[in-house]
PDB file of N, CA and C in Angstrom:
ATOM      1  N   MET A   1     -16.277  64.033 -42.722  1.00  0.00           N
ATOM      2  CA  MET A   1     -15.769  62.668 -43.304  1.00  0.00           C
ATOM      3  C   MET A   1     -15.210  61.740 -42.378  1.00  0.00           C
ATOM      4  N   ARG A   2     -14.358  62.222 -41.633  1.00  0.00           N
ATOM      5  CA  ARG A   2     -13.680  61.465 -40.592  1.00  0.00           C
ATOM      6  C   ARG A   2     -14.696  60.670 -39.581  1.00  0.00           C
ATOM      7  N   PHE A   3     -15.722  61.319 -39.362  1.00  0.00           N
ATOM      8  CA  PHE A   3     -16.467  60.904 -38.252  1.00  0.00           C
ATOM      9  C   PHE A   3     -17.480  59.446 -38.882  1.00  0.00           C
ATOM     10  N   VAL A   4     -17.871  59.599 -40.061  1.00  0.00           N
ATOM     11  CA  VAL A   4     -18.739  58.980 -40.748  1.00  0.00           C
ATOM     12  C   VAL A   4     -17.982  57.641 -41.212  1.00  0.00           C
ATOM     13  N   SER A   5     -16.785  57.865 -42.100  1.00  0.00           N
ATOM     14  CA  SER A   5     -16.104  56.671 -42.719  1.00  0.00           C
ATOM     15  C   SER A   5     -15.963  55.587 -41.938  1.00  0.00           C
ATOM     16  N   PRO A   6     -15.461  55.444 -40.588  1.00  0.00           N
ATOM     17  CA  PRO A   6     -15.287  54.346 -39.814  1.00  0.00           C
ATOM     18  C   PRO A   6     -16.696  53.714 -39.674  1.00  0.00           C
ATOM     19  N   GLY A   7     -17.690  54.122 -39.695  1.00  0.00           N
ATOM     20  CA  GLY A   7     -19.344  53.739 -39.311  1.00  0.00           C
ATOM     21  C   GLY A   7     -19.618  53.171 -40.524  1.00  0.00           C
ATOM     22  N   VAL A   8     -19.189  53.591 -41.422  1.00  0.00           N
ATOM     23  CA  VAL A   8     -19.957  52.708 -42.595  1.00  0.00           C
ATOM     24  C   VAL A   8     -20.166  51.407 -42.587  1.00  0.00           C
ATOM     25  N   TYR A   9     -18.957  50.735 -42.445  1.00  0.00           N
ATOM     26  CA  TYR A   9     -18.545  49.124 -42.404  1.00  0.00           C
ATOM     27  C   TYR A   9     -19.361  48.794 -41.117  1.00  0.00           C
ATOM     28  N   SER A  10     -19.773  49.433 -39.826  1.00  0.00           N
ATOM     29  CA  SER A  10     -20.428  49.011 -38.877  1.00  0.00           C
ATOM     30  C   SER A  10     -22.268  49.261 -39.316  1.00  0.00           C
ATOM     31  N   VAL A  11     -22.370  50.303 -40.191  1.00  0.00           N
ATOM     32  CA  VAL A  11     -23.844  50.216 -40.711  1.00  0.00           C
ATOM     33  C   VAL A  11     -23.975  48.835 -41.146  1.00  0.00           C
ATOM     34  N   TYR A  12     -23.534  48.365 -42.083  1.00  0.00           N
ATOM     35  CA  TYR A  12     -23.545  46.992 -42.975  1.00  0.00           C
ATOM     36  C   TYR A  12     -23.494  45.794 -41.698  1.00  0.00           C
ATOM     37  N   VAL A  13     -22.639  45.794 -41.032  1.00  0.00           N
ATOM     38  CA  VAL A  13     -22.418  45.011 -39.909  1.00  0.00           C
ATOM     39  C   VAL A  13     -23.791  44.702 -39.042  1.00  0.00           C
ATOM     40  N   ILE A  14     -24.131  46.258 -38.655  1.00  0.00           N
ATOM     41  CA  ILE A  14     -25.497  46.018 -37.523  1.00  0.00           C
ATOM     42  C   ILE A  14     -26.719  45.699 -38.246  1.00  0.00           C
ATOM     43  N   HIS A  15     -27.005  46.479 -39.516  1.00  0.00           N
ATOM     44  CA  HIS A  15     -28.135  46.261 -39.872  1.00  0.00           C
ATOM     45  C   HIS A  15     -28.540  44.959 -40.710  1.00  0.00           C
ATOM     46  N   VAL A  16     -27.545  44.268 -40.781  1.00  0.00           N
ATOM     47  CA  VAL A  16     -27.674  42.554 -41.456  1.00  0.00           C
ATOM     48  C   VAL A  16     -27.961  41.718 -40.430  1.00  0.00           C
ATOM     49  N   HIS A  17     -27.212  42.037 -39.289  1.00  0.00           N
ATOM     50  CA  HIS A  17     -27.332  41.148 -38.203  1.00  0.00           C
ATOM     51  C   HIS A  17     -28.730  40.406 -37.801  1.00  0.00           C
ATOM     52  N   PRO A  18     -29.424  39.331 -37.904  1.00  0.00           N
ATOM     53  CA  PRO A  18     -30.667  38.805 -37.720  1.00  0.00           C
ATOM     54  C   PRO A  18     -31.337  38.921 -36.682  1.00  0.00           C
ATOM     55  N   LYS A  19     -30.614  39.113 -35.418  1.00  0.00           N
ATOM     56  CA  LYS A  19     -31.380  39.683 -34.528  1.00  0.00           C
ATOM     57  C   LYS A  19     -31.665  41.292 -34.041  1.00  0.00           C
ATOM     58  N   VAL A  20     -30.676  41.569 -34.754  1.00  0.00           N
ATOM     59  CA  VAL A  20     -30.845  43.340 -34.916  1.00  0.00           C
ATOM     60  C   VAL A  20     -32.031  43.780 -35.718  1.00  0.00           C
ATOM     61  N   PHE A  21     -31.758  43.423 -36.993  1.00  0.00           N
ATOM     62  CA  PHE A  21     -32.868  44.453 -37.881  1.00  0.00           C
ATOM     63  C   PHE A  21     -33.906  43.402 -38.683  1.00  0.00           C
ATOM     64  N   TRP A  22     -33.694  42.045 -38.425  1.00  0.00           N
ATOM     65  CA  TRP A  22     -34.914  41.004 -39.134  1.00  0.00           C
ATOM     66  C   TRP A  22     -35.523  40.473 -38.215  1.00  0.00           C
ATOM     67  N   SER A  23     -35.839  40.817 -37.205  1.00  0.00           N
ATOM     68  CA  SER A  23     -36.469  40.496 -35.868  1.00  0.00           C
ATOM     69  C   SER A  23     -38.160  40.603 -36.731  1.00  0.00           C
ATOM     70  N   GLU A  24     -39.010  39.807 -35.901  1.00  0.00           N
ATOM     71  CA  GLU A  24     -40.279  39.900 -36.256  1.00  0.00           C
ATOM     72  C   GLU A  24     -40.828  41.253 -35.932  1.00  0.00           C
ATOM     73  N   ASP A  25     -40.321  41.563 -34.534  1.00  0.00           N
ATOM     74  CA  ASP A  25     -40.765  43.097 -34.471  1.00  0.00           C
ATOM     75  C   ASP A  25     -40.781  44.093 -35.530  1.00  0.00           C
ATOM     76  N   ILE A  26     -39.491  44.047 -35.847  1.00  0.00           N
ATOM     77  CA  ILE A  26     -39.352  45.304 -37.305  1.00  0.00           C
ATOM     78  C   ILE A  26     -39.824  44.770 -38.396  1.00  0.00           C
ATOM     79  N   ILE A  27     -39.999  43.203 -38.691  1.00  0.00           N
ATOM     80  CA  ILE A  27     -40.831  42.865 -40.001  1.00  0.00           C
ATOM     81  C   ILE A  27     -41.913  43.562 -39.799  1.00  0.00           C
ATOM     82  N   ALA A  28     -42.589  43.658 -38.749  1.00  0.00           N
ATOM     83  CA  ALA A  28     -44.083  44.190 -38.459  1.00  0.00           C
ATOM     84  C   ALA A  28     -44.046  45.428 -38.868  1.00  0.00           C
ATOM     85  N   LEU A  29     -43.285  46.345 -38.531  1.00  0.00           N
ATOM     86  CA  LEU A  29     -43.216  47.556 -38.742  1.00  0.00           C
ATOM     87  C   LEU A  29     -43.705  47.937 -40.291  1.00  0.00           C
ATOM     88  N   PHE A  30     -43.060  47.507 -40.924  1.00  0.00           N
ATOM     89  CA  PHE A  30     -43.222  47.276 -42.552  1.00  0.00           C
ATOM     90  C   PHE A  30     -44.265  46.723 -43.192  1.00  0.00           C
ATOM     91  N   ARG A  31     -44.930  46.165 -42.539  1.00  0.00           N
ATOM     92  CA  ARG A  31     -46.389  45.164 -43.178  1.00  0.00           C
ATOM     93  C   ARG A  31     -47.408  46.347 -43.433  1.00  0.00           C
ATOM     94  N   PRO A  32     -47.413  47.591 -42.958  1.00  0.00           N
ATOM     95  CA  PRO A  32     -48.565  48.616 -43.427  1.00  0.00           C
ATOM     96  C   PRO A  32     -47.966  49.094 -44.925  1.00  0.00           C
ATOM     97  N   TRP A  33     -46.811  49.133 -45.431  1.00  0.00           N
ATOM     98  CA  TRP A  33     -46.179  49.311 -46.573  1.00  0.00           C
ATOM     99  C   TRP A  33     -47.190  48.516 -47.755  1.00  0.00           C
ATOM    100  N   ASP A  34     -47.748  47.408 -47.273  1.00  0.00           N
ATOM    101  CA  ASP A  34     -48.325  46.498 -48.452  1.00  0.00           C
ATOM    102  C   ASP A  34     -49.519  47.293 -48.875  1.00  0.00           C
ATOM    103  N   SER A  35     -50.045  48.544 -48.287  1.00  0.00           N
ATOM    104  CA  SER A  35     -51.123  48.730 -48.845  1.00  0.00           C
ATOM    105  C   SER A  35     -51.206  50.081 -49.256  1.00  0.00           C
ATOM    106  N   TRP A  36     -49.532  50.446 -49.561  1.00  0.00           N
ATOM    107  CA  TRP A  36     -49.408  51.704 -49.971  1.00  0.00           C
ATOM    108  C   TRP A  36     -49.058  52.006 -51.351  1.00  0.00           C
ATOM    109  N   ASN A  37     -49.223  53.216 -51.961  1.00  0.00           N
ATOM    110  CA  ASN A  37     -48.948  53.214 -53.250  1.00  0.00           C
ATOM    111  C   ASN A  37     -47.507  53.289 -53.434  1.00  0.00           C
ATOM    112  N   GLY A  38     -46.918  53.409 -54.993  1.00  0.00           N
ATOM    113  CA  GLY A  38     -45.454  53.382 -55.205  1.00  0.00           C
ATOM    114  C   GLY A  38     -44.898  54.724 -54.651  1.00  0.00           C
ATOM    115  N   LEU A  39     -45.092  55.479 -54.735  1.00  0.00           N
ATOM    116  CA  LEU A  39     -44.548  57.019 -54.353  1.00  0.00           C
ATOM    117  C   LEU A  39     -44.448  57.241 -52.899  1.00  0.00           C
ATOM    118  N   HIS A  40     -45.158  56.465 -52.153  1.00  0.00           N
ATOM    119  CA  HIS A  40     -45.521  56.364 -50.736  1.00  0.00           C
ATOM    120  C   HIS A  40     -44.063  55.432 -50.201  1.00  0.00           C
ATOM    121  N   ILE A  41     -44.170  54.308 -50.885  1.00  0.00           N
ATOM    122  CA  ILE A  41     -43.105  53.280 -50.607  1.00  0.00           C
ATOM    123  C   ILE A  41     -41.956  53.821 -51.010  1.00  0.00           C
ATOM    124  N   PHE A  42     -41.684  54.650 -52.021  1.00  0.00           N
ATOM    125  CA  PHE A  42     -40.269  54.773 -52.542  1.00  0.00           C
ATOM    126  C   PHE A  42     -39.843  56.307 -51.484  1.00  0.00           C
ATOM    127  N   ALA A  43     -40.564  57.076 -50.832  1.00  0.00           N
ATOM    128  CA  ALA A  43     -40.397  58.023 -49.832  1.00  0.00           C
ATOM    129  C   ALA A  43     -39.982  57.381 -48.762  1.00  0.00           C
ATOM    130  N   ALA A  44     -40.822  56.446 -48.494  1.00  0.00           N
ATOM    131  CA  ALA A  44     -40.250  55.657 -46.900  1.00  0.00           C
ATOM    132  C   ALA A  44     -39.226  54.670 -47.001  1.00  0.00           C
ATOM    133  N   MET A  45     -38.829  54.201 -48.387  1.00  0.00           N
ATOM    134  CA  MET A  45     -37.611  53.605 -48.207  1.00  0.00           C
ATOM    135  C   MET A  45     -36.508  54.440 -48.159  1.00  0.00           C
ATOM    136  N   LEU A  46     -36.394  55.544 -48.795  1.00  0.00           N
ATOM    137  CA  LEU A  46     -35.380  56.730 -48.669  1.00  0.00           C
ATOM    138  C   LEU A  46     -35.336  57.028 -47.141  1.00  0.00           C
ATOM    139  N   LEU A  47     -36.293  57.508 -46.558  1.00  0.00           N
ATOM    140  CA  LEU A  47     -36.457  58.007 -45.145  1.00  0.00           C
ATOM    141  C   LEU A  47     -35.998  56.551 -44.244  1.00  0.00           C
ATOM    142  N   THR A  48     -36.336  55.526 -44.542  1.00  0.00           N
ATOM    143  CA  THR A  48     -35.873  54.353 -43.493  1.00  0.00           C
ATOM    144  C   THR A  48     -34.537  54.155 -43.836  1.00  0.00           C
ATOM    145  N   ALA A  49     -34.089  54.126 -44.832  1.00  0.00           N
ATOM    146  CA  ALA A  49     -32.377  53.911 -45.332  1.00  0.00           C
ATOM    147  C   ALA A  49     -31.751  55.042 -44.527  1.00  0.00           C
ATOM    148  N   LEU A  50     -32.009  56.316 -44.367  1.00  0.00           N
ATOM    149  CA  LEU A  50     -31.477  57.562 -43.701  1.00  0.00           C
ATOM    150  C   LEU A  50     -31.361  57.162 -42.412  1.00  0.00           C
ATOM    151  N   VAL A  51     -32.664  56.782 -42.069  1.00  0.00           N
ATOM    152  CA  VAL A  51     -32.580  56.440 -40.405  1.00  0.00           C
ATOM    153  C   VAL A  51     -31.542  55.472 -39.982  1.00  0.00           C
ATOM    154  N   VAL A  52     -31.963  54.120 -40.720  1.00  0.00           N
ATOM    155  CA  VAL A  52     -31.009  53.244 -40.150  1.00  0.00           C
ATOM    156  C   VAL A  52     -29.481  53.502 -40.467  1.00  0.00           C
ATOM    157  N   PHE A  53     -29.178  54.195 -41.562  1.00  0.00           N
ATOM    158  CA  PHE A  53     -27.926  54.864 -41.444  1.00  0.00           C
ATOM    159  C   PHE A  53     -27.273  55.617 -40.130  1.00  0.00           C
ATOM    160  N   GLY A  54     -28.495  56.493 -40.281  1.00  0.00           N
ATOM    161  CA  GLY A  54     -28.178  57.158 -38.992  1.00  0.00           C
ATOM    162  C   GLY A  54     -27.883  56.828 -37.540  1.00  0.00           C
ATOM    163  N   VAL A  55     -28.783  55.802 -37.242  1.00  0.00           N
ATOM    164  CA  VAL A  55     -28.775  55.085 -35.963  1.00  0.00           C
ATOM    165  C   VAL A  55     -27.503  54.387 -36.084  1.00  0.00           C
ATOM    166  N   CYS A  56     -27.101  53.411 -36.818  1.00  0.00           N
ATOM    167  CA  CYS A  56     -26.186  52.632 -36.942  1.00  0.00           C
ATOM    168  C   CYS A  56     -24.598  53.380 -37.227  1.00  0.00           C
ATOM    169  N   ILE A  57     -24.640  54.787 -37.709  1.00  0.00           N
ATOM    170  CA  ILE A  57     -23.488  55.730 -37.031  1.00  0.00           C
ATOM    171  C   ILE A  57     -23.326  55.859 -35.578  1.00  0.00           C
ATOM    172  N   VAL A  58     -24.718  56.397 -35.286  1.00  0.00           N
ATOM    173  CA  VAL A  58     -24.463  57.069 -33.949  1.00  0.00           C
ATOM    174  C   VAL A  58     -24.249  55.566 -32.624  1.00  0.00           C
ATOM    175  N   LEU A  59     -24.690  54.408 -33.505  1.00  0.00           N
ATOM    176  CA  LEU A  59     -24.321  53.186 -32.401  1.00  0.00           C
ATOM    177  C   LEU A  59     -22.733  52.845 -32.373  1.00  0.00           C
ATOM    178  N   ASP A  60     -22.083  52.880 -33.534  1.00  0.00           N
ATOM    179  CA  ASP A  60     -20.700  52.857 -33.969  1.00  0.00           C
ATOM    180  C   ASP A  60     -19.894  53.758 -33.213  1.00  0.00           C
ATOM    181  N   PHE A  61     -20.606  55.268 -33.095  1.00  0.00           N
ATOM    182  CA  PHE A  61     -19.802  56.265 -32.667  1.00  0.00           C
ATOM    183  C   PHE A  61     -19.892  55.948 -30.774  1.00  0.00           C
ATOM    184  N   LEU A  62     -21.061  55.490 -30.319  1.00  0.00           N
ATOM    185  CA  LEU A  62     -21.051  55.086 -29.102  1.00  0.00           C
ATOM    186  C   LEU A  62     -19.797  54.137 -28.472  1.00  0.00           C
ATOM    187  N   ARG A  63     -19.927  52.960 -29.670  1.00  0.00           N
ATOM    188  CA  ARG A  63     -18.990  52.012 -29.463  1.00  0.00           C
ATOM    189  C   ARG A  63     -17.845  52.291 -29.359  1.00  0.00           C
ATOM    190  N   GLN A  64     -17.208  52.983 -30.072  1.00  0.00           N
ATOM    191  CA  GLN A  64     -15.903  53.569 -29.957  1.00  0.00           C
ATOM    192  C   GLN A  64     -15.775  54.481 -29.182  1.00  0.00           C
ATOM    193  N   ARG A  65     -16.615  55.236 -28.664  1.00  0.00           N
ATOM    194  CA  ARG A  65     -16.274  56.046 -27.180  1.00  0.00           C
ATOM    195  C   ARG A  65     -16.115  54.988 -25.816  1.00  0.00           C
ATOM    196  N   LEU A  66     -17.220  53.828 -25.793  1.00  0.00           N
ATOM    197  CA  LEU A  66     -17.130  52.966 -24.642  1.00  0.00           C
ATOM    198  C   LEU A  66     -15.761  52.297 -24.931  1.00  0.00           C
ATOM    199  N   PHE A  67     -15.314  51.820 -25.908  1.00  0.00           N
ATOM    200  CA  PHE A  67     -13.865  51.110 -26.261  1.00  0.00           C
ATOM    201  C   PHE A  67     -12.572  52.157 -25.445  1.00  0.00           C
ATOM    202  N   ARG A  68     -12.623  53.236 -25.987  1.00  0.00           N
ATOM    203  CA  ARG A  68     -11.911  54.365 -25.782  1.00  0.00           C
ATOM    204  C   ARG A  68     -11.779  54.599 -24.301  1.00  0.00           C
ATOM    205  N   ALA A  69     -12.955  54.508 -23.603  1.00  0.00           N
ATOM    206  CA  ALA A  69     -13.124  54.701 -22.284  1.00  0.00           C
ATOM    207  C   ALA A  69     -12.710  53.683 -21.201  1.00  0.00           C
ATOM    208  N   ALA A  70     -12.872  52.293 -21.855  1.00  0.00           N
ATOM    209  CA  ALA A  70     -12.636  51.425 -20.934  1.00  0.00           C
ATOM    210  C   ALA A  70     -10.932  50.868 -21.356  1.00  0.00           C
ATOM    211  N   GLY A  71     -10.671  51.487 -22.241  1.00  0.00           N
ATOM    212  CA  GLY A  71      -8.934  51.239 -22.401  1.00  0.00           C
ATOM    213  C   GLY A  71      -8.775  49.808 -23.694  1.00  0.00           C
ATOM    214  N   ILE A  72     -10.232  49.464 -24.338  1.00  0.00           N
ATOM    215  CA  ILE A  72      -9.883  48.530 -25.212  1.00  0.00           C
ATOM    216  C   ILE A  72      -8.997  48.842 -26.237  1.00  0.00           C
ATOM    217  N   ASP A  73      -9.236  49.956 -26.935  1.00  0.00           N
ATOM    218  CA  ASP A  73      -8.446  50.091 -28.055  1.00  0.00           C
ATOM    219  C   ASP A  73      -6.732  50.188 -27.796  1.00  0.00           C
ATOM    220  N   ARG A  74      -6.591  50.699 -26.637  1.00  0.00           N
ATOM    221  CA  ARG A  74      -5.265  50.551 -26.563  1.00  0.00           C
ATOM    222  C   ARG A  74      -4.665  49.449 -26.064  1.00  0.00           C
ATOM    223  N   ALA A  75      -5.419  48.405 -25.558  1.00  0.00           N
ATOM    224  CA  ALA A  75      -5.126  46.898 -25.121  1.00  0.00           C
ATOM    225  C   ALA A  75      -5.161  46.361 -26.539  1.00  0.00           C
ATOM    226  N   ALA A  76      -5.942  46.546 -27.617  1.00  0.00           N
ATOM    227  CA  ALA A  76      -6.019  45.997 -29.040  1.00  0.00           C
ATOM    228  C   ALA A  76      -4.523  46.410 -29.827  1.00  0.00           C
ATOM    229  N   GLU A  77      -4.514  47.891 -29.561  1.00  0.00           N
ATOM    230  CA  GLU A  77      -3.190  48.216 -30.189  1.00  0.00           C
ATOM    231  C   GLU A  77      -1.720  47.437 -29.685  1.00  0.00           C
ATOM    232  N   ARG A  78      -2.146  47.448 -28.359  1.00  0.00           N
ATOM    233  CA  ARG A  78      -0.339  46.312 -27.838  1.00  0.00           C
ATOM    234  C   ARG A  78      -0.723  45.275 -28.320  1.00  0.00           C
ATOM    235  N   LEU A  79      -1.882  44.668 -28.214  1.00  0.00           N
ATOM    236  CA  LEU A  79      -1.843  43.036 -29.068  1.00  0.00           C
ATOM    237  C   LEU A  79      -1.185  42.999 -30.299  1.00  0.00           C
ATOM    238  N   SER A  80      -1.882  44.131 -30.949  1.00  0.00           N
ATOM    239  CA  SER A  80      -1.685  43.895 -32.444  1.00  0.00           C
ATOM    240  C   SER A  80       0.050  44.018 -32.784  1.00  0.00           C
ATOM    241  N   ASP A  81       0.505  45.102 -31.866  1.00  0.00           N
ATOM    242  CA  ASP A  81       2.019  45.412 -31.968  1.00  0.00           C
ATOM    243  C   ASP A  81       2.734  44.129 -31.770  1.00  0.00           C
ATOM    244  N   TRP A  82       2.503  43.485 -30.486  1.00  0.00           N
ATOM    245  CA  TRP A  82       3.124  42.328 -30.172  1.00  0.00           C
ATOM    246  C   TRP A  82       3.090  41.329 -31.256  1.00  0.00           C
ATOM    247  N   THR A  83       1.683  41.131 -31.524  1.00  0.00           N
ATOM    248  CA  THR A  83       1.334  39.873 -32.819  1.00  0.00           C
ATOM    249  C   THR A  83       2.438  40.261 -33.910  1.00  0.00           C
ATOM    250  N   GLU A  84       2.487  41.399 -34.271  1.00  0.00           N
ATOM    251  CA  GLU A  84       3.247  42.045 -35.424  1.00  0.00           C
ATOM    252  C   GLU A  84       4.541  41.498 -35.198  1.00  0.00           C
ATOM    253  N   ALA A  85       5.268  41.893 -34.040  1.00  0.00           N
ATOM    254  CA  ALA A  85       6.807  41.598 -33.636  1.00  0.00           C
ATOM    255  C   ALA A  85       6.774  40.122 -33.809  1.00  0.00           C
ATOM    256  N   PHE A  86       6.261  39.514 -33.273  1.00  0.00           N
ATOM    257  CA  PHE A  86       6.047  38.143 -33.103  1.00  0.00           C
ATOM    258  C   PHE A  86       6.384  37.168 -34.819  1.00  0.00           C
ATOM    259  N   VAL A  87       5.122  37.624 -35.330  1.00  0.00           N
ATOM    260  CA  VAL A  87       5.514  37.391 -36.709  1.00  0.00           C
ATOM    261  C   VAL A  87       6.357  37.956 -37.557  1.00  0.00           C
ATOM    262  N   ARG A  88       7.027  38.754 -37.528  1.00  0.00           N
ATOM    263  CA  ARG A  88       7.877  39.453 -38.138  1.00  0.00           C
ATOM    264  C   ARG A  88       9.462  38.878 -37.537  1.00  0.00           C
ATOM    265  N   ALA A  89       9.050  38.297 -36.228  1.00  0.00           N
ATOM    266  CA  ALA A  89      10.794  37.733 -35.777  1.00  0.00           C
ATOM    267  C   ALA A  89      10.832  36.175 -36.168  1.00  0.00           C
ATOM    268  N   ARG A  90       9.669  35.646 -36.413  1.00  0.00           N
ATOM    269  CA  ARG A  90       9.496  34.213 -37.008  1.00  0.00           C
ATOM    270  C   ARG A  90       9.459  33.908 -38.289  1.00  0.00           C
ATOM    271  N   ILE A  91       9.130  35.281 -39.464  1.00  0.00           N
ATOM    272  CA  ILE A  91       9.404  35.269 -40.724  1.00  0.00           C
ATOM    273  C   ILE A  91      10.761  35.594 -41.090  1.00  0.00           C
ATOM    274  N   PHE A  92      11.048  36.523 -40.647  1.00  0.00           N
ATOM    275  CA  PHE A  92      12.336  37.293 -41.537  1.00  0.00           C
ATOM    276  C   PHE A  92      13.488  36.868 -40.678  1.00  0.00           C
TER     277      PHE A  92
END
């Protein structure tokens, strides 16, 4: 669960981005569904949802590994610590 949980938000962010999922190429993949019966469409929807979820989870996993390898996660943590200390010094 620790592997999937951080990626769930990324699934949302990736699959609703207009240049990633809603391009004309992707929409064209679903045009044959117009002639399918209800059972086939239902099965295809479930399979598509699972595939989209899986691909997005893998993409997020690769993004995390890339950020870790590039040191971006450590830099972001240091920036977050500095910002918190700055705000606390100004507020309290």
